[in-house]
Amino acid sequence: MPNNQPVSMLDTHEVFNQPPPLEGHNPFSGDRALVAALAKAGGAAHGEHLVGLGASCGSAEAIEWGVEANRVLPVLENYDRYGHRIDEVRFHPAYHSLMRLGLDNGFASTAWQGGAAGHVAHAAILYLTSQVDCGTSCPMTMTYAAVPALGAEEAVASEWVPRIAAGRYDPAFRPAQEKAGVTIGMAMTEKQGGSDVRANTTRAVRTGEDGWFSLTGHKWFCSAPMCDAFLTLAYTEEGLTCFLVPRWLPDGTRNTGFRVIRLKDKLGDKSNASSEVEYHGALAQRLGPEGRGVATIIQMVQHTRLDCVIGSASQMRAALAQALWHTSHRTAFQKQLVDQPLMANVLADLALESEAAMALGMRLAQAFDGDEPLARLLTPVAKYWVCKRAPNMVYEAMEAHGGAGYVEAGPMPRLFRQSPLNAIWEGSGNVIALDVLRAAAREPETVGAMLEWLGAQKGLHSAYDAALVAFDPAAIRESTARLAVERLALLSQAAVLLEWESPLAEAFCTLRLGERGMSVGAFDAEIDTQAIIARAMPAA
């Protein structure tokens, strides 16, 4: 018999005790720790701009862009419908909206426009936009970081740097000289070598034109193949050399020797079209002296490592915000989750971890604005530790959601899949730890700058003083490098929290530098967890 009851009478239950979506908030002005860190790092003048950007990043529209750009994946089209080779990547419109959100707000350009605290402002922009989507950060980071490497060749820099500094996103596939702004990618590693770029086999031969070479070889990872040009490495007769490979040549024709073979199917970072490419006589301009390719491109790598730190800190903040929002809107056993003592301990611990990561990243950006020796050593230290901490923290934030955190309809699975990337990209843990060793051995001024900065905070906390006395950079060996870098990173996080008078400095020094280990939620009664949670709670 037909059922003629109204639909409302057939429903089995009413949906309640579920949080509303976290949207319509401002991840800049609603993040007390970030606002304070920006001011301490000398970037307060950028605050008004960041308030506006934060409003955009927290909007329901931008959040949906991030979802769509990762749901509808990039597609490689090697040929047009007539059979011409084009090697172009097609994206969902949301991808372009995200790129415009970042680049038009100064992601790649602010640091190079001559204003005060340019790298600090860049870091804050990345911190906000990456909370919307991490994949689009890759091409924008590459574009930002390319400037120092381009500076190795004045003629090339005079042509390309103004296009980056224009601060515009132009997705059209056409010659760079006809565009409002450009993006720059990178292709260094090859199948047989990975991080050991000296094992590369790509060859470069002079074309007869000043500074131009023809490249033949392959690249196992090419970041963002839709970019307008790529920094790359190839061997000349003089040794490994850095080059810039444009997609279009100065005469307005395609650089047909640049071919995209396939897009990578990755664990996360889905919105970004990482690829494998081949050079079939691709034309390229030399950057820097022949045989000095690593020294030239390492200037780019130093800046991309800064963005690895900020990007991971951003993921940690996004995960924390979601966990705090969920637990403050859901009850269990007649009490809000956020008020359950053990949950409060976990959330406060995650808030501590998040602020320490963000503060270290912002302090590192401040060093990029004027303290090169400190930046040289602090970069790999921060990159090693913050990027390694992100996956565990994102997992704990996912667990705070219960089963809802494991469902693809929510934000946590995407954050979790993304979280290991920065620890691998631009040097995995062993490579980074060895880089710290190398810098300490070959550049003693960097150790001096680090010890001077750490020493300036002596006397502010007993646990900090004890950890500082116990740390001996001269005793670091290759076999113990990872442990030494971890200890140095914790000291660095404590130092910046003390230096910037963070309300969390006391708790961090007690918990991270004492004998309590790294167990999440190992708080004692004397630490005010609710005050820590209130400081971290996302606000409008």
Protein backbone atom coordinates (compact mmCIF):
# COMPACT_ATOMS: atom_id res chain seq x y z
CA MET A 1 0.00 0.00 0.00
CA PRO A 2 1.32 3.52 -0.73
CA ASN A 3 2.62 5.52 2.21
CA ASN A 4 0.90 8.91 2.17
CA GLN A 5 2.49 10.34 5.31
CA PRO A 6 4.43 13.62 4.95
CA VAL A 7 8.18 13.22 4.50
CA SER A 8 8.82 14.87 7.86
CA MET A 9 6.88 12.09 9.55
CA LEU A 10 9.09 9.45 7.91
CA ASP A 11 12.40 10.88 9.18
CA THR A 12 13.99 8.64 11.79
CA HIS A 13 15.74 11.34 13.78
CA GLU A 14 16.66 14.98 14.17
CA VAL A 15 20.27 16.03 13.54
CA PHE A 16 21.71 17.78 16.57
CA ASN A 17 24.94 17.95 18.61
CA GLN A 18 26.90 18.62 15.42
CA PRO A 19 29.12 21.68 14.92
CA PRO A 20 28.43 24.19 12.16
CA PRO A 21 31.13 24.42 9.47
CA LEU A 22 34.11 26.58 10.37
CA GLU A 23 33.64 29.34 7.82
CA GLY A 24 32.97 33.06 7.78
CA HIS A 25 35.81 33.58 10.25
CA ASN A 26 39.09 35.51 9.85
CA PRO A 27 42.19 33.29 10.26
CA PHE A 28 44.36 36.38 10.68
CA SER A 29 42.54 38.70 13.06
CA GLY A 30 41.00 35.68 14.81
CA ASP A 31 44.44 34.18 15.48
CA ARG A 32 45.81 36.03 18.51
CA ALA A 33 49.20 34.33 18.38
CA LEU A 34 49.72 35.20 14.70
CA VAL A 35 48.79 38.86 15.17
CA ALA A 36 51.24 39.11 18.07
CA ALA A 37 54.01 37.32 16.16
CA LEU A 38 53.60 39.61 13.14
CA ALA A 39 54.12 42.65 15.37
CA LYS A 40 57.12 41.12 17.19
CA ALA A 41 58.73 40.24 13.84
CA GLY A 42 58.44 43.84 12.67
CA GLY A 43 55.56 43.34 10.24
CA ALA A 44 52.75 45.27 11.96
CA ALA A 45 52.53 47.66 9.00
CA HIS A 46 51.19 44.78 6.92
CA GLY A 47 48.37 44.11 9.36
CA GLU A 48 45.61 45.95 7.51
CA HIS A 49 46.32 44.06 4.30
CA LEU A 50 46.38 40.75 6.17
CA VAL A 51 43.04 41.46 7.83
CA GLY A 52 41.51 41.77 4.37
CA LEU A 53 43.26 38.66 3.12
CA GLY A 54 42.19 36.76 6.22
CA ALA A 55 38.55 37.67 5.59
CA SER A 56 38.84 36.22 2.10
CA CYS A 57 40.63 33.06 3.27
CA GLY A 58 38.02 32.35 5.91
CA SER A 59 35.05 32.87 3.62
CA ALA A 60 32.77 30.00 2.63
CA GLU A 61 33.59 30.75 -1.01
CA ALA A 62 37.36 30.34 -0.61
CA ILE A 63 36.95 27.21 1.50
CA GLU A 64 34.85 25.71 -1.29
CA TRP A 65 37.59 26.60 -3.79
CA GLY A 66 40.00 24.47 -1.78
CA VAL A 67 37.56 21.55 -1.77
CA GLU A 68 36.86 21.76 -5.51
CA ALA A 69 40.50 22.18 -6.57
CA ASN A 70 41.32 18.93 -4.79
CA ARG A 71 38.19 17.07 -5.90
CA VAL A 72 38.48 17.85 -9.65
CA LEU A 73 42.10 17.05 -10.40
CA PRO A 74 44.40 18.65 -13.00
CA VAL A 75 44.48 16.97 -16.42
CA LEU A 76 47.47 16.85 -18.78
CA GLU A 77 46.79 17.41 -22.47
CA ASN A 78 49.86 16.51 -24.52
CA TYR A 79 48.22 17.27 -27.88
CA ASP A 80 45.55 19.57 -29.20
CA ARG A 81 42.67 18.22 -31.30
CA TYR A 82 44.72 18.57 -34.48
CA GLY A 83 47.65 16.54 -33.16
CA HIS A 84 50.03 19.41 -32.33
CA ARG A 85 52.15 18.86 -29.21
CA ILE A 86 51.07 21.38 -26.53
CA ASP A 87 51.84 19.82 -23.09
CA GLU A 88 49.31 21.96 -21.24
CA VAL A 89 47.56 21.28 -17.93
CA ARG A 90 43.86 22.03 -17.45
CA PHE A 91 42.52 22.96 -14.02
CA HIS A 92 39.17 23.43 -12.32
CA PRO A 93 38.29 27.18 -12.12
CA ALA A 94 38.69 26.94 -8.33
CA TYR A 95 42.42 26.36 -8.82
CA HIS A 96 42.76 29.66 -10.67
CA SER A 97 40.75 31.44 -7.98
CA LEU A 98 43.17 30.13 -5.34
CA MET A 99 46.22 31.17 -7.35
CA ARG A 100 44.73 34.62 -7.81
CA LEU A 101 43.97 34.84 -4.09
CA GLY A 102 47.64 34.27 -3.29
CA LEU A 103 49.56 36.02 -6.07
CA ASP A 104 47.32 39.08 -6.32
CA ASN A 105 47.75 39.53 -2.56
CA GLY A 106 51.55 39.53 -2.74
CA PHE A 107 52.48 35.91 -2.05
CA ALA A 108 55.42 35.92 -4.47
CA SER A 109 56.02 39.65 -4.81
CA THR A 110 55.85 41.30 -1.37
CA ALA A 111 59.29 40.16 -0.23
CA TRP A 112 60.95 41.72 -3.31
CA GLN A 113 59.21 45.10 -3.45
CA GLY A 114 61.60 46.87 -1.10
CA GLY A 115 59.29 47.40 1.85
CA ALA A 116 60.05 46.65 5.49
CA ALA A 117 59.63 43.10 6.78
CA GLY A 118 58.95 41.76 3.30
CA HIS A 119 59.74 38.13 4.11
CA VAL A 120 57.70 38.34 7.31
CA ALA A 121 54.72 39.59 5.29
CA HIS A 122 55.30 36.84 2.73
CA ALA A 123 55.31 34.25 5.51
CA ALA A 124 52.04 35.56 6.92
CA ILE A 125 50.39 35.51 3.48
CA LEU A 126 51.49 31.89 2.97
CA TYR A 127 50.30 31.00 6.48
CA LEU A 128 46.80 32.25 5.63
CA THR A 129 46.40 31.01 2.06
CA SER A 130 47.80 27.56 2.83
CA GLN A 131 44.99 27.04 5.34
CA VAL A 132 42.63 27.21 2.35
CA ASP A 133 44.70 24.95 0.08
CA CYS A 134 48.26 23.68 0.29
CA GLY A 135 48.73 22.44 -3.27
CA THR A 136 48.56 25.88 -4.86
CA SER A 137 51.25 27.05 -2.44
CA CYS A 138 53.83 25.06 -4.45
CA PRO A 139 53.88 27.14 -7.66
CA MET A 140 53.55 30.36 -5.67
CA THR A 141 56.45 29.38 -3.39
CA MET A 142 58.60 28.48 -6.40
CA THR A 143 57.87 31.86 -7.95
CA TYR A 144 58.77 33.71 -4.74
CA ALA A 145 61.93 31.67 -4.19
CA ALA A 146 63.19 31.94 -7.77
CA VAL A 147 64.24 35.58 -7.39
CA PRO A 148 67.61 35.02 -5.63
CA ALA A 149 68.65 32.38 -8.19
CA LEU A 150 67.59 34.58 -11.11
CA GLY A 151 69.81 37.27 -9.61
CA ALA A 152 72.85 35.18 -10.52
CA GLU A 153 72.49 36.44 -14.12
CA GLU A 154 71.76 40.16 -14.40
CA ALA A 155 70.35 40.05 -17.92
CA VAL A 156 67.93 37.25 -17.03
CA ALA A 157 66.94 38.87 -13.74
CA SER A 158 66.17 42.20 -15.41
CA GLU A 159 63.72 40.40 -17.65
CA TRP A 160 62.01 38.02 -15.21
CA VAL A 161 62.13 39.57 -11.73
CA PRO A 162 59.86 42.53 -12.65
CA ARG A 163 57.30 40.02 -13.91
CA ILE A 164 57.34 38.30 -10.50
CA ALA A 165 57.30 41.60 -8.60
CA ALA A 166 54.20 42.65 -10.56
CA GLY A 167 52.20 40.52 -8.13
CA ARG A 168 49.58 39.35 -10.62
CA TYR A 169 48.21 35.96 -11.58
CA ASP A 170 47.79 35.42 -15.31
CA PRO A 171 46.87 31.83 -16.23
CA ALA A 172 47.03 32.36 -19.99
CA PHE A 173 49.43 30.08 -21.87
CA ARG A 174 51.32 32.61 -23.98
CA PRO A 175 54.73 34.34 -24.09
CA ALA A 176 55.77 35.84 -20.75
CA GLN A 177 56.31 39.28 -22.25
CA GLU A 178 52.59 39.42 -23.05
CA LYS A 179 51.39 38.50 -19.54
CA ALA A 180 50.44 40.55 -16.49
CA GLY A 181 52.47 38.25 -14.22
CA VAL A 182 54.35 34.96 -14.31
CA THR A 183 54.99 31.83 -12.28
CA ILE A 184 58.30 29.98 -12.02
CA GLY A 185 58.71 26.24 -11.41
CA MET A 186 61.65 24.00 -10.62
CA ALA A 187 62.96 20.71 -12.06
CA MET A 188 66.10 19.42 -10.36
CA THR A 189 65.86 15.77 -9.33
CA GLU A 190 66.17 12.76 -11.60
CA LYS A 191 65.21 9.09 -11.19
CA GLN A 192 68.65 7.81 -10.35
CA GLY A 193 69.72 10.52 -7.91
CA GLY A 194 66.89 12.14 -5.98
CA SER A 195 68.50 14.55 -3.52
CA ASP A 196 71.93 13.67 -4.93
CA VAL A 197 71.69 16.10 -7.85
CA ARG A 198 75.32 15.47 -8.77
CA ALA A 199 74.13 12.07 -10.03
CA ASN A 200 72.06 13.86 -12.69
CA THR A 201 72.64 12.95 -16.33
CA THR A 202 70.91 15.83 -18.17
CA ARG A 203 73.34 17.50 -20.58
CA ALA A 204 73.58 21.05 -21.85
CA VAL A 205 75.27 22.13 -25.10
CA ARG A 206 75.90 25.70 -26.23
CA THR A 207 73.70 26.89 -29.09
CA GLY A 208 76.03 29.61 -30.28
CA GLU A 209 73.87 32.38 -28.88
CA ASP A 210 75.23 34.13 -25.80
CA GLY A 211 74.02 32.40 -22.64
CA TRP A 212 71.70 29.92 -24.40
CA PHE A 213 72.06 26.14 -24.28
CA SER A 214 70.21 23.10 -25.60
CA LEU A 215 69.23 20.60 -22.89
CA THR A 216 68.68 16.84 -23.26
CA GLY A 217 67.57 14.64 -20.37
CA HIS A 218 64.74 13.92 -17.94
CA LYS A 219 63.48 15.22 -14.60
CA TRP A 220 61.69 12.90 -12.20
CA PHE A 221 59.95 15.77 -10.39
CA CYS A 222 58.95 19.03 -11.99
CA SER A 223 56.97 21.27 -9.70
CA ALA A 224 53.97 22.84 -11.42
CA PRO A 225 54.49 22.20 -15.18
CA MET A 226 52.08 24.98 -16.19
CA CYS A 227 54.60 27.64 -15.07
CA ASP A 228 56.12 30.12 -17.49
CA ALA A 229 59.72 29.03 -16.83
CA PHE A 230 61.68 26.52 -14.76
CA LEU A 231 64.91 26.53 -12.85
CA THR A 232 66.80 23.35 -13.63
CA LEU A 233 70.22 21.68 -13.48
CA ALA A 234 72.27 20.15 -16.30
CA TYR A 235 75.88 19.28 -16.99
CA THR A 236 78.04 21.36 -19.30
CA GLU A 237 81.70 20.61 -19.99
CA GLU A 238 82.51 22.70 -16.90
CA GLY A 239 80.20 20.76 -14.56
CA LEU A 240 76.71 20.97 -13.07
CA THR A 241 75.15 24.28 -14.05
CA CYS A 242 71.89 26.10 -13.33
CA PHE A 243 69.54 27.10 -16.17
CA LEU A 244 66.20 28.78 -16.75
CA VAL A 245 63.96 26.91 -19.22
CA PRO A 246 61.15 29.12 -20.59
CA ARG A 247 57.94 27.60 -21.97
CA TRP A 248 57.96 30.27 -24.69
CA LEU A 249 61.05 31.66 -26.43
CA PRO A 250 61.88 35.35 -26.89
CA ASP A 251 60.64 35.24 -30.50
CA GLY A 252 57.16 34.22 -29.29
CA THR A 253 57.35 30.55 -30.32
CA ARG A 254 56.91 27.54 -28.03
CA ASN A 255 59.97 25.91 -26.52
CA THR A 256 59.05 22.60 -28.15
CA GLY A 257 61.92 20.67 -26.54
CA PHE A 258 60.18 20.93 -23.15
CA ARG A 259 57.79 17.98 -22.85
CA VAL A 260 55.54 16.95 -19.96
CA ILE A 261 55.47 13.15 -19.79
CA ARG A 262 52.89 12.57 -17.09
CA LEU A 263 51.40 14.01 -13.90
CA LYS A 264 52.26 12.39 -10.56
CA ASP A 265 49.60 10.45 -8.67
CA LYS A 266 50.47 11.48 -5.12
CA LEU A 267 49.27 10.74 -1.60
CA GLY A 268 48.13 14.34 -1.18
CA ASP A 269 48.85 17.75 -2.72
CA LYS A 270 46.21 16.84 -5.29
CA SER A 271 45.47 20.35 -6.58
CA ASN A 272 49.11 20.76 -7.64
CA ALA A 273 50.06 19.15 -10.96
CA SER A 274 53.50 17.76 -10.08
CA SER A 275 54.97 16.07 -13.13
CA GLU A 276 57.78 14.28 -14.92
CA VAL A 277 59.33 16.13 -17.85
CA GLU A 278 61.87 15.48 -20.57
CA TYR A 279 64.14 17.87 -22.42
CA HIS A 280 64.45 17.08 -26.11
CA GLY A 281 66.80 19.88 -27.07
CA ALA A 282 64.91 22.32 -24.85
CA LEU A 283 66.42 25.80 -25.02
CA ALA A 284 67.55 27.34 -21.74
CA GLN A 285 69.45 30.38 -20.43
CA ARG A 286 72.42 29.85 -18.13
CA LEU A 287 72.16 31.24 -14.58
CA GLY A 288 75.45 31.87 -12.83
CA PRO A 289 78.85 30.42 -13.74
CA GLU A 290 79.16 27.04 -15.41
CA GLY A 291 79.96 24.33 -12.91
CA ARG A 292 78.36 26.31 -10.04
CA GLY A 293 74.82 25.06 -10.47
CA VAL A 294 74.30 23.85 -6.90
CA ALA A 295 75.63 27.10 -5.43
CA THR A 296 73.26 29.04 -7.69
CA ILE A 297 70.08 27.08 -7.11
CA ILE A 298 70.67 26.61 -3.37
CA GLN A 299 69.64 30.24 -2.98
CA MET A 300 66.21 29.21 -4.21
CA VAL A 301 66.19 26.12 -2.00
CA GLN A 302 66.90 28.20 1.11
CA HIS A 303 63.73 30.22 0.46
CA THR A 304 61.59 27.21 -0.40
CA ARG A 305 62.68 25.64 2.89
CA LEU A 306 61.38 28.71 4.70
CA ASP A 307 58.06 28.06 3.03
CA CYS A 308 58.17 24.40 4.06
CA VAL A 309 58.36 25.57 7.67
CA ILE A 310 55.56 28.12 7.31
CA GLY A 311 53.46 25.71 5.25
CA SER A 312 53.67 22.97 7.88
CA ALA A 313 52.92 25.46 10.65
CA SER A 314 49.89 26.57 8.62
CA GLN A 315 48.65 22.97 8.35
CA MET A 316 49.07 22.59 12.10
CA ARG A 317 47.05 25.73 12.72
CA ALA A 318 44.31 24.63 10.31
CA ALA A 319 44.08 21.24 12.04
CA LEU A 320 44.06 22.84 15.48
CA ALA A 321 41.33 25.31 14.50
CA GLN A 322 39.15 22.47 13.25
CA ALA A 323 39.71 20.43 16.44
CA LEU A 324 38.95 23.39 18.70
CA TRP A 325 35.85 24.28 16.71
CA HIS A 326 34.54 20.71 16.75
CA THR A 327 35.14 20.08 20.44
CA SER A 328 33.65 23.43 21.49
CA HIS A 329 30.40 22.66 19.63
CA ARG A 330 29.91 19.02 20.59
CA THR A 331 28.95 17.45 23.90
CA ALA A 332 29.62 13.99 25.30
CA PHE A 333 28.66 12.64 28.71
CA GLN A 334 26.74 15.83 29.55
CA LYS A 335 29.72 18.12 28.98
CA GLN A 336 31.28 19.94 26.04
CA LEU A 337 34.23 17.98 24.69
CA VAL A 338 36.52 20.97 25.07
CA ASP A 339 35.76 21.01 28.82
CA GLN A 340 36.56 17.34 29.40
CA PRO A 341 39.86 17.39 31.38
CA LEU A 342 41.79 14.92 29.26
CA MET A 343 40.54 16.42 25.99
CA ALA A 344 41.48 19.87 27.31
CA ASN A 345 45.00 18.58 27.97
CA VAL A 346 45.31 17.29 24.42
CA LEU A 347 43.92 20.46 22.84
CA ALA A 348 46.16 22.69 24.94
CA ASP A 349 49.17 20.59 23.96
CA LEU A 350 48.26 20.93 20.28
CA ALA A 351 47.82 24.68 20.73
CA LEU A 352 51.27 24.84 22.31
CA GLU A 353 52.76 22.89 19.42
CA SER A 354 51.02 25.05 16.84
CA GLU A 355 52.07 28.39 18.30
CA ALA A 356 55.67 27.24 18.76
CA ALA A 357 55.82 26.15 15.10
CA MET A 358 54.28 29.39 13.84
CA ALA A 359 56.51 31.57 16.04
CA LEU A 360 59.67 29.77 14.90
CA GLY A 361 58.61 30.18 11.27
CA MET A 362 57.92 33.89 11.70
CA ARG A 363 61.20 34.40 13.57
CA LEU A 364 62.97 32.64 10.71
CA ALA A 365 61.25 34.95 8.21
CA GLN A 366 62.45 37.90 10.29
CA ALA A 367 66.01 36.57 9.98
CA PHE A 368 65.55 36.44 6.19
CA ASP A 369 64.85 40.17 6.36
CA GLY A 370 68.26 41.00 7.78
CA ASP A 371 70.21 38.32 9.66
CA GLU A 372 71.66 36.04 7.01
CA PRO A 373 74.03 34.00 9.27
CA LEU A 374 71.19 33.13 11.64
CA ALA A 375 68.85 32.36 8.74
CA ARG A 376 71.40 30.01 7.17
CA LEU A 377 71.50 27.66 10.18
CA LEU A 378 68.01 28.22 11.58
CA THR A 379 66.41 27.32 8.23
CA PRO A 380 67.38 23.61 8.17
CA VAL A 381 66.86 23.32 11.93
CA ALA A 382 63.30 24.66 11.69
CA LYS A 383 62.59 22.77 8.48
CA TYR A 384 63.64 19.47 10.04
CA TRP A 385 61.58 19.80 13.20
CA VAL A 386 58.41 21.68 12.27
CA CYS A 387 57.81 19.61 9.15
CA LYS A 388 58.30 16.38 11.10
CA ARG A 389 55.91 17.46 13.85
CA ALA A 390 53.07 18.32 11.49
CA PRO A 391 51.80 14.79 10.63
CA ASN A 392 51.57 13.71 14.27
CA MET A 393 49.79 16.89 15.27
CA VAL A 394 47.33 16.71 12.37
CA TYR A 395 46.59 13.12 13.34
CA GLU A 396 45.87 14.10 16.97
CA ALA A 397 43.55 16.86 15.74
CA MET A 398 41.80 14.31 13.53
CA GLU A 399 41.36 11.97 16.51
CA ALA A 400 39.74 14.79 18.48
CA HIS A 401 36.91 14.63 15.93
CA GLY A 402 36.28 10.94 16.54
CA GLY A 403 34.95 9.04 13.53
CA ALA A 404 33.81 12.28 11.88
CA GLY A 405 37.45 13.21 11.42
CA TYR A 406 38.08 10.17 9.25
CA VAL A 407 35.31 10.95 6.76
CA GLU A 408 36.31 12.43 3.39
CA ALA A 409 33.43 14.93 3.45
CA GLY A 410 35.30 16.85 6.17
CA PRO A 411 38.63 18.70 6.03
CA MET A 412 40.80 16.37 8.13
CA PRO A 413 41.65 13.60 5.60
CA ARG A 414 42.96 16.15 3.10
CA LEU A 415 45.02 17.86 5.80
CA PHE A 416 46.40 14.52 6.97
CA ARG A 417 47.43 13.38 3.48
CA GLN A 418 49.12 16.73 2.92
CA SER A 419 50.99 16.81 6.22
CA PRO A 420 54.04 14.58 5.40
CA LEU A 421 54.97 16.41 2.20
CA ASN A 422 57.07 19.28 3.53
CA ALA A 423 59.25 16.89 5.52
CA ILE A 424 60.15 15.17 2.24
CA TRP A 425 60.18 18.11 -0.17
CA GLU A 426 63.39 20.16 -0.39
CA GLY A 427 65.39 17.59 1.57
CA SER A 428 64.13 14.77 3.77
CA GLY A 429 65.16 14.39 7.40
CA ASN A 430 68.62 12.91 6.90
CA VAL A 431 69.52 15.41 4.17
CA ILE A 432 68.45 18.32 6.35
CA ALA A 433 70.27 17.04 9.44
CA LEU A 434 73.45 16.66 7.38
CA ASP A 435 72.98 20.19 6.05
CA VAL A 436 73.01 21.46 9.64
CA LEU A 437 76.27 19.57 10.20
CA ARG A 438 77.73 20.98 7.01
CA ALA A 439 76.80 24.56 7.88
CA ALA A 440 78.22 24.21 11.39
CA ALA A 441 81.52 22.84 10.05
CA ARG A 442 82.03 25.13 7.04
CA GLU A 443 80.32 28.33 8.15
CA PRO A 444 81.30 28.97 11.79
CA GLU A 445 79.66 32.40 11.66
CA THR A 446 76.28 30.69 11.47
CA VAL A 447 76.95 28.80 14.72
CA GLY A 448 78.06 32.04 16.32
CA ALA A 449 74.87 33.80 15.24
CA MET A 450 72.72 30.93 16.55
CA LEU A 451 74.49 30.75 19.93
CA GLU A 452 74.31 34.53 20.31
CA TRP A 453 70.57 34.51 19.71
CA LEU A 454 69.95 31.55 22.01
CA GLY A 455 72.22 33.07 24.66
CA ALA A 456 70.26 36.32 24.67
CA GLN A 457 67.34 34.49 26.28
CA LYS A 458 69.43 32.98 29.07
CA GLY A 459 68.11 33.61 32.55
CA LEU A 460 64.45 33.72 31.52
CA HIS A 461 63.60 30.12 32.44
CA SER A 462 65.49 27.47 34.40
CA ALA A 463 64.62 24.59 32.07
CA TYR A 464 65.76 26.68 29.10
CA ASP A 465 69.04 27.52 30.81
CA ALA A 466 69.70 23.85 31.60
CA ALA A 467 68.96 22.77 28.02
CA LEU A 468 71.18 25.52 26.64
CA VAL A 469 74.11 24.51 28.84
CA ALA A 470 73.65 20.86 27.86
CA PHE A 471 73.77 21.61 24.14
CA ASP A 472 77.25 21.39 22.64
CA PRO A 473 77.40 22.03 18.88
CA ALA A 474 80.98 20.78 18.75
CA ALA A 475 79.83 17.34 19.88
CA ILE A 476 77.42 16.76 16.97
CA ARG A 477 78.32 13.73 14.87
CA GLU A 478 76.70 12.35 11.73
CA SER A 479 75.31 9.35 13.61
CA THR A 480 73.61 11.60 16.19
CA ALA A 481 72.75 14.52 13.94
CA ARG A 482 68.99 14.00 14.00
CA LEU A 483 68.82 14.04 17.80
CA ALA A 484 71.07 17.10 17.96
CA VAL A 485 68.93 18.98 15.43
CA GLU A 486 65.79 18.06 17.38
CA ARG A 487 67.26 19.48 20.59
CA LEU A 488 68.43 22.60 18.80
CA ALA A 489 64.98 23.08 17.28
CA LEU A 490 63.28 22.80 20.68
CA LEU A 491 65.74 25.31 22.09
CA SER A 492 64.99 27.61 19.16
CA GLN A 493 61.24 27.36 19.69
CA ALA A 494 61.66 28.09 23.37
CA ALA A 495 63.96 31.00 22.57
CA VAL A 496 61.51 32.76 20.28
CA LEU A 497 58.60 32.26 22.69
CA LEU A 498 60.74 33.76 25.47
CA GLU A 499 62.08 36.54 23.25
CA TRP A 500 58.57 37.52 22.13
CA GLU A 501 57.13 37.16 25.65
CA SER A 502 54.49 34.66 24.59
CA PRO A 503 52.07 33.61 27.35
CA LEU A 504 52.90 30.04 26.32
CA ALA A 505 56.66 30.32 26.91
CA GLU A 506 56.48 28.99 30.47
CA ALA A 507 54.41 25.95 29.51
CA PHE A 508 56.60 25.20 26.49
CA CYS A 509 59.86 25.31 28.43
CA THR A 510 58.37 23.17 31.22
CA LEU A 511 56.87 20.56 28.91
CA ARG A 512 59.28 20.40 25.99
CA LEU A 513 62.63 21.06 27.66
CA GLY A 514 62.03 19.17 30.90
CA GLU A 515 61.94 15.43 31.48
CA ARG A 516 58.29 14.84 30.55
CA GLY A 517 58.98 13.84 26.96
CA MET A 518 56.85 14.56 23.91
CA SER A 519 53.69 12.66 24.93
CA VAL A 520 50.64 14.65 23.85
CA GLY A 521 48.52 15.84 26.76
CA ALA A 522 51.12 15.29 29.51
CA PHE A 523 50.08 18.46 31.33
CA ASP A 524 50.27 18.91 35.09
CA ALA A 525 47.61 20.65 37.14
CA GLU A 526 49.64 23.83 37.50
CA ILE A 527 49.38 24.61 33.77
CA ASP A 528 46.21 26.50 32.86
CA THR A 529 44.97 24.51 29.89
CA GLN A 530 41.81 26.56 29.49
CA ALA A 531 43.82 29.79 29.11
CA ILE A 532 45.94 28.14 26.40
CA ILE A 533 42.80 26.90 24.62
CA ALA A 534 41.14 30.32 24.84
CA ARG A 535 44.19 31.96 23.24
CA ALA A 536 44.12 29.48 20.35
CA MET A 537 40.35 29.35 19.77
CA PRO A 538 39.50 30.67 16.26
CA ALA A 539 37.52 33.90 16.39
CA ALA A 540 35.67 36.03 13.85
